[in-house]
Amino acid sequence: MTDISRLPGASEHHWNWQLRSACRSADTRLFFHPVNERGSSAEQREQAAKSVCARCPVRIECRRYALAAREPYGVWGGLSAEERRSVLRTPGVQART
């Protein structure tokens, strides 16, 4: 019989926050820009995505995940990819986010 006592426990609790996210029923295209999107179209889409994040009950968990995973694309936890890169370049800020 295989000894499973040394295997890590269930990790479902690390991802349960996603079940409560405001974006679950939203179109994912709102959060990730299409190829060659620029200017006011990009700004409007990004603001619409951030407005979903603003009312999300798990925004902080989402933001922490995106920063820890260094998500390179999209709006996560109310931050754009560029905003996340800026946070990650600033020493000590990630821990407070």
PDB file of N, CA and C in Angstrom:
ATOM      1  N   MET A   1       0.838  -1.174   0.000  1.00  0.00           N
ATOM      2  CA  MET A   1       0.000   0.000   0.000  1.00  0.00           C
ATOM      3  C   MET A   1       0.887   1.242   0.000  1.00  0.00           C
ATOM      4  N   THR A   2       0.472   2.248  -0.708  1.00  0.00           N
ATOM      5  CA  THR A   2       1.223   3.494  -0.800  1.00  0.00           C
ATOM      6  C   THR A   2       1.045   4.322   0.467  1.00  0.00           C
ATOM      7  N   ASP A   3       2.170   4.810   0.981  1.00  0.00           N
ATOM      8  CA  ASP A   3       2.138   5.662   2.162  1.00  0.00           C
ATOM      9  C   ASP A   3       1.893   7.108   1.726  1.00  0.00           C
ATOM     10  N   ILE A   4       0.751   7.653   2.066  1.00  0.00           N
ATOM     11  CA  ILE A   4       0.423   9.021   1.666  1.00  0.00           C
ATOM     12  C   ILE A   4       0.586  10.019   2.820  1.00  0.00           C
ATOM     13  N   SER A   5       1.120   9.589   3.930  1.00  0.00           N
ATOM     14  CA  SER A   5       1.220  10.451   5.108  1.00  0.00           C
ATOM     15  C   SER A   5       2.135  11.656   4.881  1.00  0.00           C
ATOM     16  N   ARG A   6       3.068  11.533   3.954  1.00  0.00           N
ATOM     17  CA  ARG A   6       4.008  12.631   3.719  1.00  0.00           C
ATOM     18  C   ARG A   6       3.547  13.570   2.599  1.00  0.00           C
ATOM     19  N   LEU A   7       2.440  13.279   1.973  1.00  0.00           N
ATOM     20  CA  LEU A   7       1.928  14.145   0.914  1.00  0.00           C
ATOM     21  C   LEU A   7       1.307  15.399   1.519  1.00  0.00           C
ATOM     22  N   PRO A   8       1.388  16.509   0.795  1.00  0.00           N
ATOM     23  CA  PRO A   8       0.753  17.730   1.331  1.00  0.00           C
ATOM     24  C   PRO A   8      -0.752  17.549   1.414  1.00  0.00           C
ATOM     25  N   GLY A   9      -1.361  18.244   2.321  1.00  0.00           N
ATOM     26  CA  GLY A   9      -2.815  18.176   2.480  1.00  0.00           C
ATOM     27  C   GLY A   9      -3.531  18.847   1.322  1.00  0.00           C
ATOM     28  N   ALA A  10      -4.832  18.811   1.385  1.00  0.00           N
ATOM     29  CA  ALA A  10      -5.650  19.441   0.345  1.00  0.00           C
ATOM     30  C   ALA A  10      -5.337  20.937   0.285  1.00  0.00           C
ATOM     31  N   SER A  11      -5.303  21.464  -0.892  1.00  0.00           N
ATOM     32  CA  SER A  11      -4.993  22.887  -1.038  1.00  0.00           C
ATOM     33  C   SER A  11      -6.178  23.682  -1.567  1.00  0.00           C
ATOM     34  N   GLU A  12      -7.348  23.089  -1.512  1.00  0.00           N
ATOM     35  CA  GLU A  12      -8.552  23.750  -2.000  1.00  0.00           C
ATOM     36  C   GLU A  12      -8.764  25.110  -1.343  1.00  0.00           C
ATOM     37  N   HIS A  13      -8.425  25.215  -0.074  1.00  0.00           N
ATOM     38  CA  HIS A  13      -8.638  26.473   0.643  1.00  0.00           C
ATOM     39  C   HIS A  13      -7.821  27.622   0.050  1.00  0.00           C
ATOM     40  N   HIS A  14      -6.755  27.316  -0.677  1.00  0.00           N
ATOM     41  CA  HIS A  14      -5.951  28.359  -1.311  1.00  0.00           C
ATOM     42  C   HIS A  14      -6.671  28.995  -2.494  1.00  0.00           C
ATOM     43  N   TRP A  15      -7.652  28.316  -3.046  1.00  0.00           N
ATOM     44  CA  TRP A  15      -8.322  28.785  -4.253  1.00  0.00           C
ATOM     45  C   TRP A  15      -9.808  29.065  -4.068  1.00  0.00           C
ATOM     46  N   ASN A  16     -10.366  28.764  -2.919  1.00  0.00           N
ATOM     47  CA  ASN A  16     -11.797  28.977  -2.691  1.00  0.00           C
ATOM     48  C   ASN A  16     -12.234  30.418  -2.899  1.00  0.00           C
ATOM     49  N   TRP A  17     -11.345  31.372  -2.695  1.00  0.00           N
ATOM     50  CA  TRP A  17     -11.695  32.779  -2.882  1.00  0.00           C
ATOM     51  C   TRP A  17     -12.197  33.038  -4.294  1.00  0.00           C
ATOM     52  N   GLN A  18     -11.706  32.290  -5.268  1.00  0.00           N
ATOM     53  CA  GLN A  18     -12.116  32.497  -6.660  1.00  0.00           C
ATOM     54  C   GLN A  18     -13.603  32.230  -6.863  1.00  0.00           C
ATOM     55  N   LEU A  19     -14.185  31.378  -6.050  1.00  0.00           N
ATOM     56  CA  LEU A  19     -15.605  31.063  -6.172  1.00  0.00           C
ATOM     57  C   LEU A  19     -16.483  32.254  -5.793  1.00  0.00           C
ATOM     58  N   ARG A  20     -15.933  33.196  -5.031  1.00  0.00           N
ATOM     59  CA  ARG A  20     -16.695  34.363  -4.585  1.00  0.00           C
ATOM     60  C   ARG A  20     -16.375  35.617  -5.390  1.00  0.00           C
ATOM     61  N   SER A  21     -15.580  35.492  -6.431  1.00  0.00           N
ATOM     62  CA  SER A  21     -15.142  36.673  -7.176  1.00  0.00           C
ATOM     63  C   SER A  21     -16.263  37.282  -8.014  1.00  0.00           C
ATOM     64  N   ALA A  22     -16.237  38.596  -8.102  1.00  0.00           N
ATOM     65  CA  ALA A  22     -17.238  39.329  -8.886  1.00  0.00           C
ATOM     66  C   ALA A  22     -17.079  39.089 -10.381  1.00  0.00           C
ATOM     67  N   CYS A  23     -15.902  38.680 -10.809  1.00  0.00           N
ATOM     68  CA  CYS A  23     -15.642  38.504 -12.237  1.00  0.00           C
ATOM     69  C   CYS A  23     -16.060  37.131 -12.766  1.00  0.00           C
ATOM     70  N   ARG A  24     -16.492  36.237 -11.898  1.00  0.00           N
ATOM     71  CA  ARG A  24     -16.851  34.882 -12.345  1.00  0.00           C
ATOM     72  C   ARG A  24     -17.895  34.875 -13.449  1.00  0.00           C
ATOM     73  N   SER A  25     -18.799  35.818 -13.414  1.00  0.00           N
ATOM     74  CA  SER A  25     -19.858  35.837 -14.420  1.00  0.00           C
ATOM     75  C   SER A  25     -19.572  36.860 -15.523  1.00  0.00           C
ATOM     76  N   ALA A  26     -18.450  37.537 -15.452  1.00  0.00           N
ATOM     77  CA  ALA A  26     -18.102  38.552 -16.456  1.00  0.00           C
ATOM     78  C   ALA A  26     -17.365  37.915 -17.632  1.00  0.00           C
ATOM     79  N   ASP A  27     -17.402  38.592 -18.741  1.00  0.00           N
ATOM     80  CA  ASP A  27     -16.666  38.169 -19.929  1.00  0.00           C
ATOM     81  C   ASP A  27     -15.174  38.394 -19.679  1.00  0.00           C
ATOM     82  N   THR A  28     -14.361  37.373 -19.824  1.00  0.00           N
ATOM     83  CA  THR A  28     -12.921  37.500 -19.545  1.00  0.00           C
ATOM     84  C   THR A  28     -12.245  38.505 -20.460  1.00  0.00           C
ATOM     85  N   ARG A  29     -12.824  38.802 -21.601  1.00  0.00           N
ATOM     86  CA  ARG A  29     -12.226  39.793 -22.509  1.00  0.00           C
ATOM     87  C   ARG A  29     -12.189  41.178 -21.885  1.00  0.00           C
ATOM     88  N   LEU A  30     -13.005  41.389 -20.864  1.00  0.00           N
ATOM     89  CA  LEU A  30     -12.992  42.663 -20.162  1.00  0.00           C
ATOM     90  C   LEU A  30     -11.673  42.859 -19.412  1.00  0.00           C
ATOM     91  N   PHE A  31     -11.085  41.781 -18.947  1.00  0.00           N
ATOM     92  CA  PHE A  31      -9.903  41.834 -18.094  1.00  0.00           C
ATOM     93  C   PHE A  31      -8.584  41.680 -18.834  1.00  0.00           C
ATOM     94  N   PHE A  32      -8.624  41.237 -20.072  1.00  0.00           N
ATOM     95  CA  PHE A  32      -7.411  41.009 -20.862  1.00  0.00           C
ATOM     96  C   PHE A  32      -7.540  41.707 -22.200  1.00  0.00           C
ATOM     97  N   HIS A  33      -6.586  42.564 -22.520  1.00  0.00           N
ATOM     98  CA  HIS A  33      -6.699  43.364 -23.737  1.00  0.00           C
ATOM     99  C   HIS A  33      -6.469  42.539 -25.002  1.00  0.00           C
ATOM    100  N   PRO A  34      -7.226  42.854 -26.034  1.00  0.00           N
ATOM    101  CA  PRO A  34      -7.003  42.196 -27.319  1.00  0.00           C
ATOM    102  C   PRO A  34      -5.726  42.731 -27.972  1.00  0.00           C
ATOM    103  N   VAL A  35      -5.216  41.998 -28.918  1.00  0.00           N
ATOM    104  CA  VAL A  35      -4.017  42.399 -29.646  1.00  0.00           C
ATOM    105  C   VAL A  35      -4.248  43.775 -30.275  1.00  0.00           C
ATOM    106  N   ASN A  36      -3.262  44.620 -30.163  1.00  0.00           N
ATOM    107  CA  ASN A  36      -3.257  45.960 -30.756  1.00  0.00           C
ATOM    108  C   ASN A  36      -4.260  46.941 -30.153  1.00  0.00           C
ATOM    109  N   GLU A  37      -4.829  46.638 -29.004  1.00  0.00           N
ATOM    110  CA  GLU A  37      -5.725  47.598 -28.360  1.00  0.00           C
ATOM    111  C   GLU A  37      -4.878  48.730 -27.777  1.00  0.00           C
ATOM    112  N   ARG A  38      -5.247  49.955 -28.081  1.00  0.00           N
ATOM    113  CA  ARG A  38      -4.499  51.124 -27.625  1.00  0.00           C
ATOM    114  C   ARG A  38      -5.457  52.262 -27.274  1.00  0.00           C
ATOM    115  N   GLY A  39      -4.898  53.284 -26.675  1.00  0.00           N
ATOM    116  CA  GLY A  39      -5.611  54.530 -26.466  1.00  0.00           C
ATOM    117  C   GLY A  39      -6.842  54.445 -25.596  1.00  0.00           C
ATOM    118  N   SER A  40      -7.860  55.220 -26.006  1.00  0.00           N
ATOM    119  CA  SER A  40      -9.065  55.329 -25.184  1.00  0.00           C
ATOM    120  C   SER A  40      -9.818  54.008 -25.076  1.00  0.00           C
ATOM    121  N   SER A  41      -9.749  53.172 -26.101  1.00  0.00           N
ATOM    122  CA  SER A  41     -10.409  51.855 -26.022  1.00  0.00           C
ATOM    123  C   SER A  41      -9.812  51.021 -24.896  1.00  0.00           C
ATOM    124  N   ALA A  42      -8.495  51.024 -24.808  1.00  0.00           N
ATOM    125  CA  ALA A  42      -7.813  50.274 -23.757  1.00  0.00           C
ATOM    126  C   ALA A  42      -8.145  50.851 -22.382  1.00  0.00           C
ATOM    127  N   GLU A  43      -8.129  52.166 -22.292  1.00  0.00           N
ATOM    128  CA  GLU A  43      -8.421  52.821 -21.015  1.00  0.00           C
ATOM    129  C   GLU A  43      -9.847  52.547 -20.553  1.00  0.00           C
ATOM    130  N   GLN A  44     -10.799  52.603 -21.462  1.00  0.00           N
ATOM    131  CA  GLN A  44     -12.201  52.348 -21.115  1.00  0.00           C
ATOM    132  C   GLN A  44     -12.414  50.902 -20.681  1.00  0.00           C
ATOM    133  N   ARG A  45     -11.806  49.962 -21.397  1.00  0.00           N
ATOM    134  CA  ARG A  45     -11.943  48.557 -21.030  1.00  0.00           C
ATOM    135  C   ARG A  45     -11.333  48.309 -19.665  1.00  0.00           C
ATOM    136  N   GLU A  46     -10.145  48.862 -19.444  1.00  0.00           N
ATOM    137  CA  GLU A  46      -9.462  48.681 -18.172  1.00  0.00           C
ATOM    138  C   GLU A  46     -10.263  49.288 -17.017  1.00  0.00           C
ATOM    139  N   GLN A  47     -10.830  50.459 -17.223  1.00  0.00           N
ATOM    140  CA  GLN A  47     -11.653  51.083 -16.180  1.00  0.00           C
ATOM    141  C   GLN A  47     -12.902  50.247 -15.892  1.00  0.00           C
ATOM    142  N   ALA A  48     -13.498  49.676 -16.921  1.00  0.00           N
ATOM    143  CA  ALA A  48     -14.670  48.813 -16.722  1.00  0.00           C
ATOM    144  C   ALA A  48     -14.284  47.580 -15.906  1.00  0.00           C
ATOM    145  N   ALA A  49     -13.119  47.002 -16.203  1.00  0.00           N
ATOM    146  CA  ALA A  49     -12.647  45.843 -15.441  1.00  0.00           C
ATOM    147  C   ALA A  49     -12.398  46.224 -13.990  1.00  0.00           C
ATOM    148  N   LYS A  50     -11.764  47.359 -13.788  1.00  0.00           N
ATOM    149  CA  LYS A  50     -11.479  47.812 -12.423  1.00  0.00           C
ATOM    150  C   LYS A  50     -12.747  48.118 -11.644  1.00  0.00           C
ATOM    151  N   SER A  51     -13.802  48.527 -12.323  1.00  0.00           N
ATOM    152  CA  SER A  51     -15.066  48.784 -11.624  1.00  0.00           C
ATOM    153  C   SER A  51     -15.673  47.475 -11.121  1.00  0.00           C
ATOM    154  N   VAL A  52     -15.461  46.386 -11.855  1.00  0.00           N
ATOM    155  CA  VAL A  52     -15.895  45.062 -11.367  1.00  0.00           C
ATOM    156  C   VAL A  52     -15.071  44.708 -10.134  1.00  0.00           C
ATOM    157  N   CYS A  53     -13.771  44.928 -10.212  1.00  0.00           N
ATOM    158  CA  CYS A  53     -12.886  44.626  -9.081  1.00  0.00           C
ATOM    159  C   CYS A  53     -13.246  45.452  -7.845  1.00  0.00           C
ATOM    160  N   ALA A  54     -13.648  46.698  -8.058  1.00  0.00           N
ATOM    161  CA  ALA A  54     -13.945  47.594  -6.936  1.00  0.00           C
ATOM    162  C   ALA A  54     -15.071  47.071  -6.056  1.00  0.00           C
ATOM    163  N   ARG A  55     -15.998  46.326  -6.628  1.00  0.00           N
ATOM    164  CA  ARG A  55     -17.114  45.796  -5.843  1.00  0.00           C
ATOM    165  C   ARG A  55     -16.913  44.321  -5.479  1.00  0.00           C
ATOM    166  N   CYS A  56     -15.733  43.797  -5.734  1.00  0.00           N
ATOM    167  CA  CYS A  56     -15.462  42.371  -5.513  1.00  0.00           C
ATOM    168  C   CYS A  56     -15.118  42.084  -4.048  1.00  0.00           C
ATOM    169  N   PRO A  57     -15.758  41.086  -3.458  1.00  0.00           N
ATOM    170  CA  PRO A  57     -15.487  40.763  -2.055  1.00  0.00           C
ATOM    171  C   PRO A  57     -14.126  40.097  -1.825  1.00  0.00           C
ATOM    172  N   VAL A  58     -13.467  39.638  -2.883  1.00  0.00           N
ATOM    173  CA  VAL A  58     -12.175  38.970  -2.726  1.00  0.00           C
ATOM    174  C   VAL A  58     -11.068  39.697  -3.497  1.00  0.00           C
ATOM    175  N   ARG A  59     -11.241  40.997  -3.663  1.00  0.00           N
ATOM    176  CA  ARG A  59     -10.269  41.797  -4.415  1.00  0.00           C
ATOM    177  C   ARG A  59      -8.861  41.674  -3.829  1.00  0.00           C
ATOM    178  N   ILE A  60      -8.748  41.714  -2.524  1.00  0.00           N
ATOM    179  CA  ILE A  60      -7.430  41.655  -1.876  1.00  0.00           C
ATOM    180  C   ILE A  60      -6.777  40.298  -2.108  1.00  0.00           C
ATOM    181  N   GLU A  61      -7.534  39.212  -1.970  1.00  0.00           N
ATOM    182  CA  GLU A  61      -6.986  37.876  -2.223  1.00  0.00           C
ATOM    183  C   GLU A  61      -6.519  37.756  -3.672  1.00  0.00           C
ATOM    184  N   CYS A  62      -7.306  38.285  -4.578  1.00  0.00           N
ATOM    185  CA  CYS A  62      -6.978  38.253  -6.003  1.00  0.00           C
ATOM    186  C   CYS A  62      -5.696  39.033  -6.270  1.00  0.00           C
ATOM    187  N   ARG A  63      -5.603  40.206  -5.693  1.00  0.00           N
ATOM    188  CA  ARG A  63      -4.410  41.046  -5.862  1.00  0.00           C
ATOM    189  C   ARG A  63      -3.178  40.352  -5.314  1.00  0.00           C
ATOM    190  N   ARG A  64      -3.310  39.774  -4.138  1.00  0.00           N
ATOM    191  CA  ARG A  64      -2.168  39.062  -3.536  1.00  0.00           C
ATOM    192  C   ARG A  64      -1.718  37.905  -4.419  1.00  0.00           C
ATOM    193  N   TYR A  65      -2.682  37.167  -4.935  1.00  0.00           N
ATOM    194  CA  TYR A  65      -2.349  36.058  -5.839  1.00  0.00           C
ATOM    195  C   TYR A  65      -1.588  36.578  -7.063  1.00  0.00           C
ATOM    196  N   ALA A  66      -2.125  37.618  -7.707  1.00  0.00           N
ATOM    197  CA  ALA A  66      -1.522  38.136  -8.943  1.00  0.00           C
ATOM    198  C   ALA A  66      -0.106  38.647  -8.699  1.00  0.00           C
ATOM    199  N   LEU A  67       0.109  39.288  -7.566  1.00  0.00           N
ATOM    200  CA  LEU A  67       1.452  39.766  -7.241  1.00  0.00           C
ATOM    201  C   LEU A  67       2.394  38.600  -6.959  1.00  0.00           C
ATOM    202  N   ALA A  68       1.925  37.639  -6.184  1.00  0.00           N
ATOM    203  CA  ALA A  68       2.773  36.486  -5.857  1.00  0.00           C
ATOM    204  C   ALA A  68       3.104  35.648  -7.089  1.00  0.00           C
ATOM    205  N   ALA A  69       2.132  35.493  -7.967  1.00  0.00           N
ATOM    206  CA  ALA A  69       2.332  34.683  -9.177  1.00  0.00           C
ATOM    207  C   ALA A  69       2.985  35.490 -10.295  1.00  0.00           C
ATOM    208  N   ARG A  70       3.099  36.790 -10.078  1.00  0.00           N
ATOM    209  CA  ARG A  70       3.649  37.695 -11.099  1.00  0.00           C
ATOM    210  C   ARG A  70       2.895  37.558 -12.417  1.00  0.00           C
ATOM    211  N   GLU A  71       1.567  37.614 -12.285  1.00  0.00           N
ATOM    212  CA  GLU A  71       0.704  37.534 -13.471  1.00  0.00           C
ATOM    213  C   GLU A  71       1.109  38.638 -14.448  1.00  0.00           C
ATOM    214  N   PRO A  72       1.492  38.278 -15.667  1.00  0.00           N
ATOM    215  CA  PRO A  72       2.001  39.279 -16.601  1.00  0.00           C
ATOM    216  C   PRO A  72       0.924  40.028 -17.390  1.00  0.00           C
ATOM    217  N   TYR A  73      -0.297  39.548 -17.368  1.00  0.00           N
ATOM    218  CA  TYR A  73      -1.351  40.134 -18.202  1.00  0.00           C
ATOM    219  C   TYR A  73      -2.633  40.350 -17.410  1.00  0.00           C
ATOM    220  N   GLY A  74      -3.422  41.295 -17.877  1.00  0.00           N
ATOM    221  CA  GLY A  74      -4.774  41.459 -17.366  1.00  0.00           C
ATOM    222  C   GLY A  74      -4.897  42.312 -16.125  1.00  0.00           C
ATOM    223  N   VAL A  75      -6.152  42.537 -15.764  1.00  0.00           N
ATOM    224  CA  VAL A  75      -6.497  43.252 -14.538  1.00  0.00           C
ATOM    225  C   VAL A  75      -6.819  42.201 -13.484  1.00  0.00           C
ATOM    226  N   TRP A  76      -6.115  42.266 -12.381  1.00  0.00           N
ATOM    227  CA  TRP A  76      -6.303  41.333 -11.259  1.00  0.00           C
ATOM    228  C   TRP A  76      -6.369  42.156  -9.977  1.00  0.00           C
ATOM    229  N   GLY A  77      -7.376  41.944  -9.186  1.00  0.00           N
ATOM    230  CA  GLY A  77      -7.478  42.646  -7.909  1.00  0.00           C
ATOM    231  C   GLY A  77      -7.502  44.152  -8.049  1.00  0.00           C
ATOM    232  N   GLY A  78      -7.976  44.636  -9.178  1.00  0.00           N
ATOM    233  CA  GLY A  78      -8.074  46.072  -9.403  1.00  0.00           C
ATOM    234  C   GLY A  78      -6.804  46.724  -9.912  1.00  0.00           C
ATOM    235  N   LEU A  79      -5.778  45.928 -10.210  1.00  0.00           N
ATOM    236  CA  LEU A  79      -4.524  46.475 -10.727  1.00  0.00           C
ATOM    237  C   LEU A  79      -4.254  45.959 -12.133  1.00  0.00           C
ATOM    238  N   SER A  80      -3.800  46.861 -12.979  1.00  0.00           N
ATOM    239  CA  SER A  80      -3.387  46.470 -14.328  1.00  0.00           C
ATOM    240  C   SER A  80      -2.020  45.796 -14.254  1.00  0.00           C
ATOM    241  N   ALA A  81      -1.595  45.205 -15.352  1.00  0.00           N
ATOM    242  CA  ALA A  81      -0.285  44.557 -15.398  1.00  0.00           C
ATOM    243  C   ALA A  81       0.824  45.563 -15.101  1.00  0.00           C
ATOM    244  N   GLU A  82       0.719  46.759 -15.658  1.00  0.00           N
ATOM    245  CA  GLU A  82       1.740  47.792 -15.405  1.00  0.00           C
ATOM    246  C   GLU A  82       1.730  48.225 -13.947  1.00  0.00           C
ATOM    247  N   GLU A  83       0.565  48.355 -13.358  1.00  0.00           N
ATOM    248  CA  GLU A  83       0.482  48.729 -11.940  1.00  0.00           C
ATOM    249  C   GLU A  83       1.092  47.647 -11.060  1.00  0.00           C
ATOM    250  N   ARG A  84       0.857  46.394 -11.403  1.00  0.00           N
ATOM    251  CA  ARG A  84       1.469  45.300 -10.624  1.00  0.00           C
ATOM    252  C   ARG A  84       2.989  45.317 -10.761  1.00  0.00           C
ATOM    253  N   ARG A  85       3.484  45.559 -11.965  1.00  0.00           N
ATOM    254  CA  ARG A  85       4.946  45.642 -12.148  1.00  0.00           C
ATOM    255  C   ARG A  85       5.520  46.767 -11.292  1.00  0.00           C
ATOM    256  N   SER A  86       4.820  47.879 -11.223  1.00  0.00           N
ATOM    257  CA  SER A  86       5.269  49.002 -10.411  1.00  0.00           C
ATOM    258  C   SER A  86       5.303  48.628  -8.929  1.00  0.00           C
ATOM    259  N   VAL A  87       4.268  47.955  -8.464  1.00  0.00           N
ATOM    260  CA  VAL A  87       4.225  47.512  -7.064  1.00  0.00           C
ATOM    261  C   VAL A  87       5.394  46.579  -6.782  1.00  0.00           C
ATOM    262  N   LEU A  88       5.651  45.658  -7.685  1.00  0.00           N
ATOM    263  CA  LEU A  88       6.722  44.684  -7.466  1.00  0.00           C
ATOM    264  C   LEU A  88       8.109  45.322  -7.515  1.00  0.00           C
ATOM    265  N   ARG A  89       8.249  46.444  -8.184  1.00  0.00           N
ATOM    266  CA  ARG A  89       9.547  47.158  -8.232  1.00  0.00           C
ATOM    267  C   ARG A  89       9.774  47.980  -6.989  1.00  0.00           C
ATOM    268  N   THR A  90       8.734  48.232  -6.200  1.00  0.00           N
ATOM    269  CA  THR A  90       8.847  49.071  -5.014  1.00  0.00           C
ATOM    270  C   THR A  90       9.065  48.197  -3.779  1.00  0.00           C
ATOM    271  N   PRO A  91      10.238  48.272  -3.168  1.00  0.00           N
ATOM    272  CA  PRO A  91      10.540  47.426  -2.010  1.00  0.00           C
ATOM    273  C   PRO A  91       9.543  47.633  -0.865  1.00  0.00           C
ATOM    274  N   GLY A  92       9.050  46.532  -0.319  1.00  0.00           N
ATOM    275  CA  GLY A  92       8.159  46.570   0.836  1.00  0.00           C
ATOM    276  C   GLY A  92       6.702  46.839   0.548  1.00  0.00           C
ATOM    277  N   VAL A  93       6.359  47.275  -0.624  1.00  0.00           N
ATOM    278  CA  VAL A  93       4.971  47.621  -0.919  1.00  0.00           C
ATOM    279  C   VAL A  93       4.116  46.386  -1.090  1.00  0.00           C
ATOM    280  N   GLN A  94       4.643  45.344  -1.689  1.00  0.00           N
ATOM    281  CA  GLN A  94       3.852  44.133  -1.955  1.00  0.00           C
ATOM    282  C   GLN A  94       3.231  43.579  -0.683  1.00  0.00           C
ATOM    283  N   ALA A  95       3.950  43.586   0.402  1.00  0.00           N
ATOM    284  CA  ALA A  95       3.442  43.029   1.653  1.00  0.00           C
ATOM    285  C   ALA A  95       2.229  43.794   2.181  1.00  0.00           C
ATOM    286  N   ARG A  96       2.139  45.082   1.867  1.00  0.00           N
ATOM    287  CA  ARG A  96       1.026  45.896   2.378  1.00  0.00           C
ATOM    288  C   ARG A  96      -0.176  45.883   1.447  1.00  0.00           C
ATOM    289  N   THR A  97      -0.030  45.367   0.253  1.00  0.00           N
ATOM    290  CA  THR A  97      -1.099  45.454  -0.745  1.00  0.00           C
ATOM    291  C   THR A  97      -2.238  44.525  -0.443  1.00  0.00           C
TER     292      THR A  97
END
